[in-house]
């Protein structure tokens, strides 16, 4: 009995669904016939085309939106930057594939400046003031919709305004040498990473800044110009004179 009752309810449900489908199909046919009768087949066809076009536009719009949401903005490209400088400010140049937006310039992780690119995608930040010591420089691109790229390659620019240290331990200025001391080993100290020249010739400098330079003294007075140069181009110069009497 229960099984028969369940089948009856299912049958009635299917009959209702079938009647609904027949009803809406009939209404659709009546509306279509009315449009054909009132406006003609051509106008009705045009209405159908408009509906199809509308659906295509909706589909295209959604596709473009999805594309924009998934669009990857490439970071700007920075031109090579000097590793060290004694200048308090530098210019920073580069280019970007994307042109509709701005370049964000960061110095030591702080937003330092921003600017638009030109029609060729190039940019130039002028007179960017540096901090003494290390200056880590990188950029990002921000488009008109506010979407920001990853960071570009990072450059470390060392700004040094202090002149290099230079101590000459041997020989002392005014020293005299005799017959058996013609070959001397000049020794001294500077800051690590500095270079030393003696009368324009390169001296040996170790990792701690200790330097040495071998020289064969000439008869009489021997003048030396010792110059220490740091990576930024700052220099310290000292002059000494020694005498050799064989």
C-alpha atoms as a PDB file:
ATOM      1  CA  UNK A   1       0.000   0.000   0.000  1.00  0.00           C
ATOM      2  CA  UNK A   2       2.766   2.425   0.952  1.00  0.00           C
ATOM      3  CA  UNK A   3       4.712   1.528  -2.182  1.00  0.00           C
ATOM      4  CA  UNK A   4       1.662   2.202  -4.326  1.00  0.00           C
ATOM      5  CA  UNK A   5       1.100   5.548  -2.562  1.00  0.00           C
ATOM      6  CA  UNK A   6       4.729   6.639  -3.188  1.00  0.00           C
ATOM      7  CA  UNK A   7       4.436   5.798  -6.882  1.00  0.00           C
ATOM      8  CA  UNK A   8       1.222   7.813  -7.105  1.00  0.00           C
ATOM      9  CA  UNK A   9       2.848  10.890  -5.547  1.00  0.00           C
ATOM     10  CA  UNK A  10       5.826  10.628  -7.921  1.00  0.00           C
ATOM     11  CA  UNK A  11       3.486  10.266 -10.889  1.00  0.00           C
ATOM     12  CA  UNK A  12       1.521  13.360  -9.856  1.00  0.00           C
ATOM     13  CA  UNK A  13       4.778  15.341  -9.422  1.00  0.00           C
ATOM     14  CA  UNK A  14       5.992  14.394 -12.898  1.00  0.00           C
ATOM     15  CA  UNK A  15       2.624  15.316 -14.360  1.00  0.00           C
ATOM     16  CA  UNK A  16       2.843  18.787 -12.754  1.00  0.00           C
ATOM     17  CA  UNK A  17       6.353  19.359 -14.146  1.00  0.00           C
ATOM     18  CA  UNK A  18       5.215  18.263 -17.606  1.00  0.00           C
ATOM     19  CA  UNK A  19       2.231  20.613 -17.476  1.00  0.00           C
ATOM     20  CA  UNK A  20       4.526  23.527 -16.489  1.00  0.00           C
ATOM     21  CA  UNK A  21       6.869  22.823 -19.393  1.00  0.00           C
ATOM     22  CA  UNK A  22       3.915  22.643 -21.815  1.00  0.00           C
ATOM     23  CA  UNK A  23       2.516  25.899 -20.408  1.00  0.00           C
ATOM     24  CA  UNK A  24       5.753  27.893 -20.765  1.00  0.00           C
ATOM     25  CA  UNK A  25       6.430  26.435 -24.204  1.00  0.00           C
ATOM     26  CA  UNK A  26       2.926  27.425 -25.308  1.00  0.00           C
ATOM     27  CA  UNK A  27       3.372  30.958 -23.927  1.00  0.00           C
ATOM     28  CA  UNK A  28       6.705  31.264 -25.736  1.00  0.00           C
ATOM     29  CA  UNK A  29       5.158  30.160 -29.039  1.00  0.00           C
ATOM     30  CA  UNK A  30       2.266  32.611 -28.607  1.00  0.00           C
ATOM     31  CA  UNK A  31       4.692  35.502 -27.927  1.00  0.00           C
ATOM     32  CA  UNK A  32       6.788  34.537 -30.942  1.00  0.00           C
ATOM     33  CA  UNK A  33       3.705  34.362 -33.203  1.00  0.00           C
ATOM     34  CA  UNK A  34       2.542  37.724 -31.868  1.00  0.00           C
ATOM     35  CA  UNK A  35       5.906  39.336 -32.665  1.00  0.00           C
ATOM     36  CA  UNK A  36       5.897  37.842 -36.155  1.00  0.00           C
ATOM     37  CA  UNK A  37       2.316  39.004 -36.766  1.00  0.00           C
ATOM     38  CA  UNK A  38       2.901  42.526 -35.416  1.00  0.00           C
ATOM     39  CA  UNK A  39       6.473  43.286 -36.548  1.00  0.00           C
ATOM     40  CA  UNK A  40       7.179  40.701 -39.213  1.00  0.00           C
ATOM     41  CA  UNK A  41       9.781  37.971 -39.447  1.00  0.00           C
ATOM     42  CA  UNK A  42      12.663  40.391 -40.162  1.00  0.00           C
ATOM     43  CA  UNK A  43      12.107  42.501 -37.044  1.00  0.00           C
ATOM     44  CA  UNK A  44      11.704  39.405 -34.907  1.00  0.00           C
ATOM     45  CA  UNK A  45      14.963  38.045 -36.291  1.00  0.00           C
ATOM     46  CA  UNK A  46      16.698  41.335 -35.452  1.00  0.00           C
ATOM     47  CA  UNK A  47      15.410  41.115 -31.879  1.00  0.00           C
ATOM     48  CA  UNK A  48      16.879  37.624 -31.678  1.00  0.00           C
ATOM     49  CA  UNK A  49      20.213  38.926 -32.980  1.00  0.00           C
ATOM     50  CA  UNK A  50      20.226  41.668 -30.350  1.00  0.00           C
ATOM     51  CA  UNK A  51      19.628  39.098 -27.618  1.00  0.00           C
ATOM     52  CA  UNK A  52      22.430  36.893 -28.975  1.00  0.00           C
ATOM     53  CA  UNK A  53      24.777  39.920 -29.245  1.00  0.00           C
ATOM     54  CA  UNK A  54      23.956  40.929 -25.687  1.00  0.00           C
ATOM     55  CA  UNK A  55      24.888  37.467 -24.450  1.00  0.00           C
ATOM     56  CA  UNK A  56      28.146  37.620 -26.432  1.00  0.00           C
ATOM     57  CA  UNK A  57      29.012  41.007 -24.899  1.00  0.00           C
ATOM     58  CA  UNK A  58      28.343  39.660 -21.422  1.00  0.00           C
ATOM     59  CA  UNK A  59      30.565  36.675 -22.126  1.00  0.00           C
ATOM     60  CA  UNK A  60      33.349  38.847 -23.605  1.00  0.00           C
ATOM     61  CA  UNK A  61      33.148  41.312 -20.723  1.00  0.00           C
ATOM     62  CA  UNK A  62      33.535  38.517 -18.213  1.00  0.00           C
ATOM     63  CA  UNK A  63      36.463  37.111 -20.191  1.00  0.00           C
ATOM     64  CA  UNK A  64      38.223  40.520 -20.272  1.00  0.00           C
ATOM     65  CA  UNK A  65      37.588  40.970 -16.568  1.00  0.00           C
ATOM     66  CA  UNK A  66      39.084  37.570 -15.811  1.00  0.00           C
ATOM     67  CA  UNK A  67      42.059  38.403 -18.031  1.00  0.00           C
ATOM     68  CA  UNK A  68      42.640  41.709 -16.225  1.00  0.00           C
ATOM     69  CA  UNK A  69      42.397  40.032 -12.853  1.00  0.00           C
ATOM     70  CA  UNK A  70      45.034  37.497 -13.889  1.00  0.00           C
ATOM     71  CA  UNK A  71      47.254  40.028 -15.725  1.00  0.00           C
ATOM     72  CA  UNK A  72      50.812  39.995 -14.429  1.00  0.00           C
ATOM     73  CA  UNK A  73      52.563  43.381 -14.264  1.00  0.00           C
ATOM     74  CA  UNK A  74      56.269  43.070 -14.974  1.00  0.00           C
ATOM     75  CA  UNK A  75      58.661  44.997 -12.706  1.00  0.00           C
ATOM     76  CA  UNK A  76      60.684  47.903 -14.153  1.00  0.00           C
ATOM     77  CA  UNK A  77      64.241  47.432 -15.398  1.00  0.00           C
ATOM     78  CA  UNK A  78      66.922  49.580 -13.772  1.00  0.00           C
ATOM     79  CA  UNK A  79      69.987  50.637 -15.718  1.00  0.00           C
ATOM     80  CA  UNK A  80      73.296  49.710 -14.010  1.00  0.00           C
ATOM     81  CA  UNK A  81      74.094  51.924 -11.010  1.00  0.00           C
ATOM     82  CA  UNK A  82      77.558  52.690  -9.641  1.00  0.00           C
ATOM     83  CA  UNK A  83      78.549  50.653  -6.593  1.00  0.00           C
ATOM     84  CA  UNK A  84      80.045  53.544  -4.634  1.00  0.00           C
ATOM     85  CA  UNK A  85      80.113  57.317  -4.883  1.00  0.00           C
ATOM     86  CA  UNK A  86      81.334  60.395  -3.065  1.00  0.00           C
ATOM     87  CA  UNK A  87      78.435  62.419  -4.468  1.00  0.00           C
ATOM     88  CA  UNK A  88      75.504  63.087  -2.128  1.00  0.00           C
ATOM     89  CA  UNK A  89      72.963  62.483  -4.914  1.00  0.00           C
ATOM     90  CA  UNK A  90      72.685  60.406  -8.080  1.00  0.00           C
ATOM     91  CA  UNK A  91      70.391  59.972 -11.087  1.00  0.00           C
ATOM     92  CA  UNK A  92      68.535  56.684 -11.531  1.00  0.00           C
ATOM     93  CA  UNK A  93      67.287  55.596 -14.952  1.00  0.00           C
ATOM     94  CA  UNK A  94      65.505  52.617 -16.432  1.00  0.00           C
ATOM     95  CA  UNK A  95      62.546  51.478 -18.497  1.00  0.00           C
ATOM     96  CA  UNK A  96      59.228  49.682 -18.171  1.00  0.00           C
ATOM     97  CA  UNK A  97      57.243  47.494 -20.553  1.00  0.00           C
ATOM     98  CA  UNK A  98      54.004  48.885 -19.107  1.00  0.00           C
ATOM     99  CA  UNK A  99      53.557  52.579 -19.858  1.00  0.00           C
ATOM    100  CA  UNK A 100      50.220  53.502 -18.269  1.00  0.00           C
ATOM    101  CA  UNK A 101      51.216  54.019 -14.676  1.00  0.00           C
ATOM    102  CA  UNK A 102      54.003  55.153 -12.371  1.00  0.00           C
ATOM    103  CA  UNK A 103      57.411  53.978 -11.213  1.00  0.00           C
ATOM    104  CA  UNK A 104      57.804  53.712  -7.441  1.00  0.00           C
ATOM    105  CA  UNK A 105      61.383  54.233  -6.242  1.00  0.00           C
ATOM    106  CA  UNK A 106      62.476  52.775  -2.908  1.00  0.00           C
ATOM    107  CA  UNK A 107      65.641  53.614  -0.978  1.00  0.00           C
ATOM    108  CA  UNK A 108      66.433  51.380   1.998  1.00  0.00           C
ATOM    109  CA  UNK A 109      62.857  49.991   1.821  1.00  0.00           C
ATOM    110  CA  UNK A 110      61.305  53.488   2.075  1.00  0.00           C
ATOM    111  CA  UNK A 111      59.316  55.025  -0.784  1.00  0.00           C
ATOM    112  CA  UNK A 112      61.600  57.826  -1.959  1.00  0.00           C
ATOM    113  CA  UNK A 113      59.905  59.115  -5.122  1.00  0.00           C
ATOM    114  CA  UNK A 114      57.493  58.237  -7.913  1.00  0.00           C
ATOM    115  CA  UNK A 115      57.073  59.342 -11.503  1.00  0.00           C
ATOM    116  CA  UNK A 116      55.353  58.466 -14.780  1.00  0.00           C
ATOM    117  CA  UNK A 117      57.212  56.857 -17.663  1.00  0.00           C
ATOM    118  CA  UNK A 118      57.508  58.592 -21.032  1.00  0.00           C
ATOM    119  CA  UNK A 119      55.921  57.361 -24.273  1.00  0.00           C
ATOM    120  CA  UNK A 120      58.824  54.948 -24.794  1.00  0.00           C
ATOM    121  CA  UNK A 121      58.513  53.482 -21.300  1.00  0.00           C
ATOM    122  CA  UNK A 122      61.669  55.205 -20.021  1.00  0.00           C
ATOM    123  CA  UNK A 123      62.112  57.047 -16.726  1.00  0.00           C
ATOM    124  CA  UNK A 124      64.791  59.123 -14.987  1.00  0.00           C
ATOM    125  CA  UNK A 125      64.845  60.102 -11.329  1.00  0.00           C
ATOM    126  CA  UNK A 126      67.113  63.125 -10.911  1.00  0.00           C
ATOM    127  CA  UNK A 127      69.231  64.054  -7.890  1.00  0.00           C
ATOM    128  CA  UNK A 128      68.091  61.295  -5.551  1.00  0.00           C
ATOM    129  CA  UNK A 129      69.696  62.090  -2.204  1.00  0.00           C
ATOM    130  CA  UNK A 130      71.671  59.254  -0.645  1.00  0.00           C
ATOM    131  CA  UNK A 131      72.247  58.290   2.958  1.00  0.00           C
ATOM    132  CA  UNK A 132      75.796  57.874   4.186  1.00  0.00           C
ATOM    133  CA  UNK A 133      76.770  54.229   3.936  1.00  0.00           C
ATOM    134  CA  UNK A 134      74.677  51.607   2.129  1.00  0.00           C
ATOM    135  CA  UNK A 135      71.766  52.653  -0.080  1.00  0.00           C
ATOM    136  CA  UNK A 136      69.625  49.756  -1.294  1.00  0.00           C
ATOM    137  CA  UNK A 137      67.693  50.898  -4.367  1.00  0.00           C
ATOM    138  CA  UNK A 138      64.805  49.096  -6.098  1.00  0.00           C
ATOM    139  CA  UNK A 139      61.604  49.959  -7.979  1.00  0.00           C
ATOM    140  CA  UNK A 140      58.049  48.797  -8.657  1.00  0.00           C
ATOM    141  CA  UNK A 141      55.475  49.617 -11.336  1.00  0.00           C
ATOM    142  CA  UNK A 142      51.970  50.744 -10.327  1.00  0.00           C
ATOM    143  CA  UNK A 143      49.336  50.746 -13.079  1.00  0.00           C
ATOM    144  CA  UNK A 144      46.277  53.003 -13.407  1.00  0.00           C
ATOM    145  CA  UNK A 145      44.123  50.453 -11.568  1.00  0.00           C
ATOM    146  CA  UNK A 146      46.423  50.516  -8.550  1.00  0.00           C
ATOM    147  CA  UNK A 147      47.917  47.093  -9.189  1.00  0.00           C
ATOM    148  CA  UNK A 148      51.618  46.912  -8.263  1.00  0.00           C
ATOM    149  CA  UNK A 149      54.349  44.725  -9.745  1.00  0.00           C
ATOM    150  CA  UNK A 150      57.019  42.753  -7.967  1.00  0.00           C
ATOM    151  CA  UNK A 151      60.263  44.571  -7.109  1.00  0.00           C
ATOM    152  CA  UNK A 152      62.953  45.100  -9.711  1.00  0.00           C
ATOM    153  CA  UNK A 153      66.539  44.008  -9.206  1.00  0.00           C
ATOM    154  CA  UNK A 154      68.087  45.732  -6.182  1.00  0.00           C
ATOM    155  CA  UNK A 155      71.302  47.768  -6.263  1.00  0.00           C
ATOM    156  CA  UNK A 156      73.488  48.647  -3.289  1.00  0.00           C
ATOM    157  CA  UNK A 157      75.136  52.057  -3.661  1.00  0.00           C
ATOM    158  CA  UNK A 158      77.663  53.065  -1.009  1.00  0.00           C
ATOM    159  CA  UNK A 159      77.869  56.784  -0.297  1.00  0.00           C
ATOM    160  CA  UNK A 160      81.129  57.782   1.393  1.00  0.00           C
ATOM    161  CA  UNK A 161      82.041  61.367   2.152  1.00  0.00           C
ATOM    162  CA  UNK A 162      84.808  60.668   4.685  1.00  0.00           C
ATOM    163  CA  UNK A 163      88.341  60.665   3.278  1.00  0.00           C
ATOM    164  CA  UNK A 164      90.260  57.374   3.573  1.00  0.00           C
ATOM    165  CA  UNK A 165      92.592  56.685   6.463  1.00  0.00           C
ATOM    166  CA  UNK A 166      96.285  56.528   5.593  1.00  0.00           C
ATOM    167  CA  UNK A 167      99.132  55.759   7.982  1.00  0.00           C
ATOM    168  CA  UNK A 168     102.734  55.204   6.874  1.00  0.00           C
ATOM    169  CA  UNK A 169     104.596  53.062   9.372  1.00  0.00           C
ATOM    170  CA  UNK A 170     107.844  52.673   7.464  1.00  0.00           C
ATOM    171  CA  UNK A 171     109.892  54.561   6.418  1.00  0.00           C
ATOM    172  CA  UNK A 172     109.411  57.808   8.290  1.00  0.00           C
ATOM    173  CA  UNK A 173     109.709  61.137   6.551  1.00  0.00           C
ATOM    174  CA  UNK A 174     113.346  62.349   6.507  1.00  0.00           C
ATOM    175  CA  UNK A 175     114.880  58.940   7.226  1.00  0.00           C
ATOM    176  CA  UNK A 176     118.390  58.143   5.942  1.00  0.00           C
ATOM    177  CA  UNK A 177     119.599  54.813   4.580  1.00  0.00           C
ATOM    178  CA  UNK A 178     123.123  53.546   3.999  1.00  0.00           C
ATOM    179  CA  UNK A 179     124.788  51.102   1.649  1.00  0.00           C
ATOM    180  CA  UNK A 180     123.170  47.905   2.910  1.00  0.00           C
ATOM    181  CA  UNK A 181     119.629  49.326   3.107  1.00  0.00           C
ATOM    182  CA  UNK A 182     119.080  50.187  -0.547  1.00  0.00           C
ATOM    183  CA  UNK A 183     116.042  47.878  -0.901  1.00  0.00           C
ATOM    184  CA  UNK A 184     113.237  48.940   1.404  1.00  0.00           C
ATOM    185  CA  UNK A 185     109.734  47.644   2.054  1.00  0.00           C
ATOM    186  CA  UNK A 186     107.373  50.563   2.575  1.00  0.00           C
ATOM    187  CA  UNK A 187     104.570  49.603   4.969  1.00  0.00           C
ATOM    188  CA  UNK A 188     101.411  51.249   6.243  1.00  0.00           C
ATOM    189  CA  UNK A 189      97.686  50.894   6.797  1.00  0.00           C
ATOM    190  CA  UNK A 190      94.437  52.153   5.273  1.00  0.00           C
ATOM    191  CA  UNK A 191      90.759  51.183   5.403  1.00  0.00           C
ATOM    192  CA  UNK A 192      89.800  47.738   4.061  1.00  0.00           C
ATOM    193  CA  UNK A 193      88.755  47.754   0.368  1.00  0.00           C
ATOM    194  CA  UNK A 194      90.883  50.832  -0.351  1.00  0.00           C
ATOM    195  CA  UNK A 195      93.650  50.867  -2.935  1.00  0.00           C
ATOM    196  CA  UNK A 196      97.144  52.298  -2.427  1.00  0.00           C
ATOM    197  CA  UNK A 197      99.503  53.746  -4.990  1.00  0.00           C
ATOM    198  CA  UNK A 198     103.114  54.834  -4.489  1.00  0.00           C
ATOM    199  CA  UNK A 199     104.328  57.314  -7.092  1.00  0.00           C
ATOM    200  CA  UNK A 200     101.551  56.031  -9.351  1.00  0.00           C
ATOM    201  CA  UNK A 201     102.399  52.340  -8.898  1.00  0.00           C
ATOM    202  CA  UNK A 202      99.984  49.940  -7.207  1.00  0.00           C
ATOM    203  CA  UNK A 203     100.922  48.639  -3.760  1.00  0.00           C
ATOM    204  CA  UNK A 204      99.784  45.349  -2.225  1.00  0.00           C
ATOM    205  CA  UNK A 205      96.853  45.733   0.222  1.00  0.00           C
ATOM    206  CA  UNK A 206      95.513  42.836   2.318  1.00  0.00           C
ATOM    207  CA  UNK A 207      91.945  42.310   3.587  1.00  0.00           C
ATOM    208  CA  UNK A 208      92.683  44.289   6.757  1.00  0.00           C
ATOM    209  CA  UNK A 209      93.995  47.341   4.909  1.00  0.00           C
ATOM    210  CA  UNK A 210      97.695  46.685   5.550  1.00  0.00           C
ATOM    211  CA  UNK A 211      99.842  47.590   2.550  1.00  0.00           C
ATOM    212  CA  UNK A 212     103.418  47.100   1.432  1.00  0.00           C
ATOM    213  CA  UNK A 213     105.534  48.351  -1.441  1.00  0.00           C
ATOM    214  CA  UNK A 214     109.078  47.285  -2.307  1.00  0.00           C
ATOM    215  CA  UNK A 215     111.401  49.941  -3.676  1.00  0.00           C
ATOM    216  CA  UNK A 216     115.070  50.184  -4.582  1.00  0.00           C
ATOM    217  CA  UNK A 217     116.407  53.526  -3.391  1.00  0.00           C
ATOM    218  CA  UNK A 218     118.401  55.779  -5.679  1.00  0.00           C
ATOM    219  CA  UNK A 219     121.435  57.779  -4.598  1.00  0.00           C
ATOM    220  CA  UNK A 220     120.507  60.962  -2.785  1.00  0.00           C
ATOM    221  CA  UNK A 221     116.948  62.070  -2.089  1.00  0.00           C
ATOM    222  CA  UNK A 222     113.997  59.777  -2.826  1.00  0.00           C
ATOM    223  CA  UNK A 223     110.550  61.403  -2.822  1.00  0.00           C
ATOM    224  CA  UNK A 224     107.344  59.382  -2.469  1.00  0.00           C
ATOM    225  CA  UNK A 225     103.688  60.297  -2.988  1.00  0.00           C
ATOM    226  CA  UNK A 226     101.432  57.739  -1.318  1.00  0.00           C
ATOM    227  CA  UNK A 227      97.731  57.882  -2.234  1.00  0.00           C
ATOM    228  CA  UNK A 228      94.851  55.977  -0.649  1.00  0.00           C
ATOM    229  CA  UNK A 229      91.649  55.737  -2.728  1.00  0.00           C
ATOM    230  CA  UNK A 230      88.348  54.310  -1.497  1.00  0.00           C
ATOM    231  CA  UNK A 231      85.695  52.662  -3.740  1.00  0.00           C
ATOM    232  CA  UNK A 232      83.754  55.945  -3.864  1.00  0.00           C
ATOM    233  CA  UNK A 233      86.737  57.821  -5.291  1.00  0.00           C
ATOM    234  CA  UNK A 234      87.694  59.755  -2.152  1.00  0.00           C
ATOM    235  CA  UNK A 235      91.445  60.147  -1.753  1.00  0.00           C
ATOM    236  CA  UNK A 236      94.027  60.872   0.907  1.00  0.00           C
ATOM    237  CA  UNK A 237      97.562  61.755  -0.107  1.00  0.00           C
ATOM    238  CA  UNK A 238     100.781  61.907   1.882  1.00  0.00           C
ATOM    239  CA  UNK A 239     104.336  62.812   0.845  1.00  0.00           C
ATOM    240  CA  UNK A 240     107.589  61.653   2.388  1.00  0.00           C
ATOM    241  CA  UNK A 241     111.240  61.986   1.450  1.00  0.00           C
ATOM    242  CA  UNK A 242     114.137  59.737   2.423  1.00  0.00           C
ATOM    243  CA  UNK A 243     117.849  59.841   1.637  1.00  0.00           C
ATOM    244  CA  UNK A 244     120.139  57.066   0.468  1.00  0.00           C
ATOM    245  CA  UNK A 245     123.913  57.389   0.871  1.00  0.00           C
ATOM    246  CA  UNK A 246     125.854  54.284  -0.243  1.00  0.00           C
END
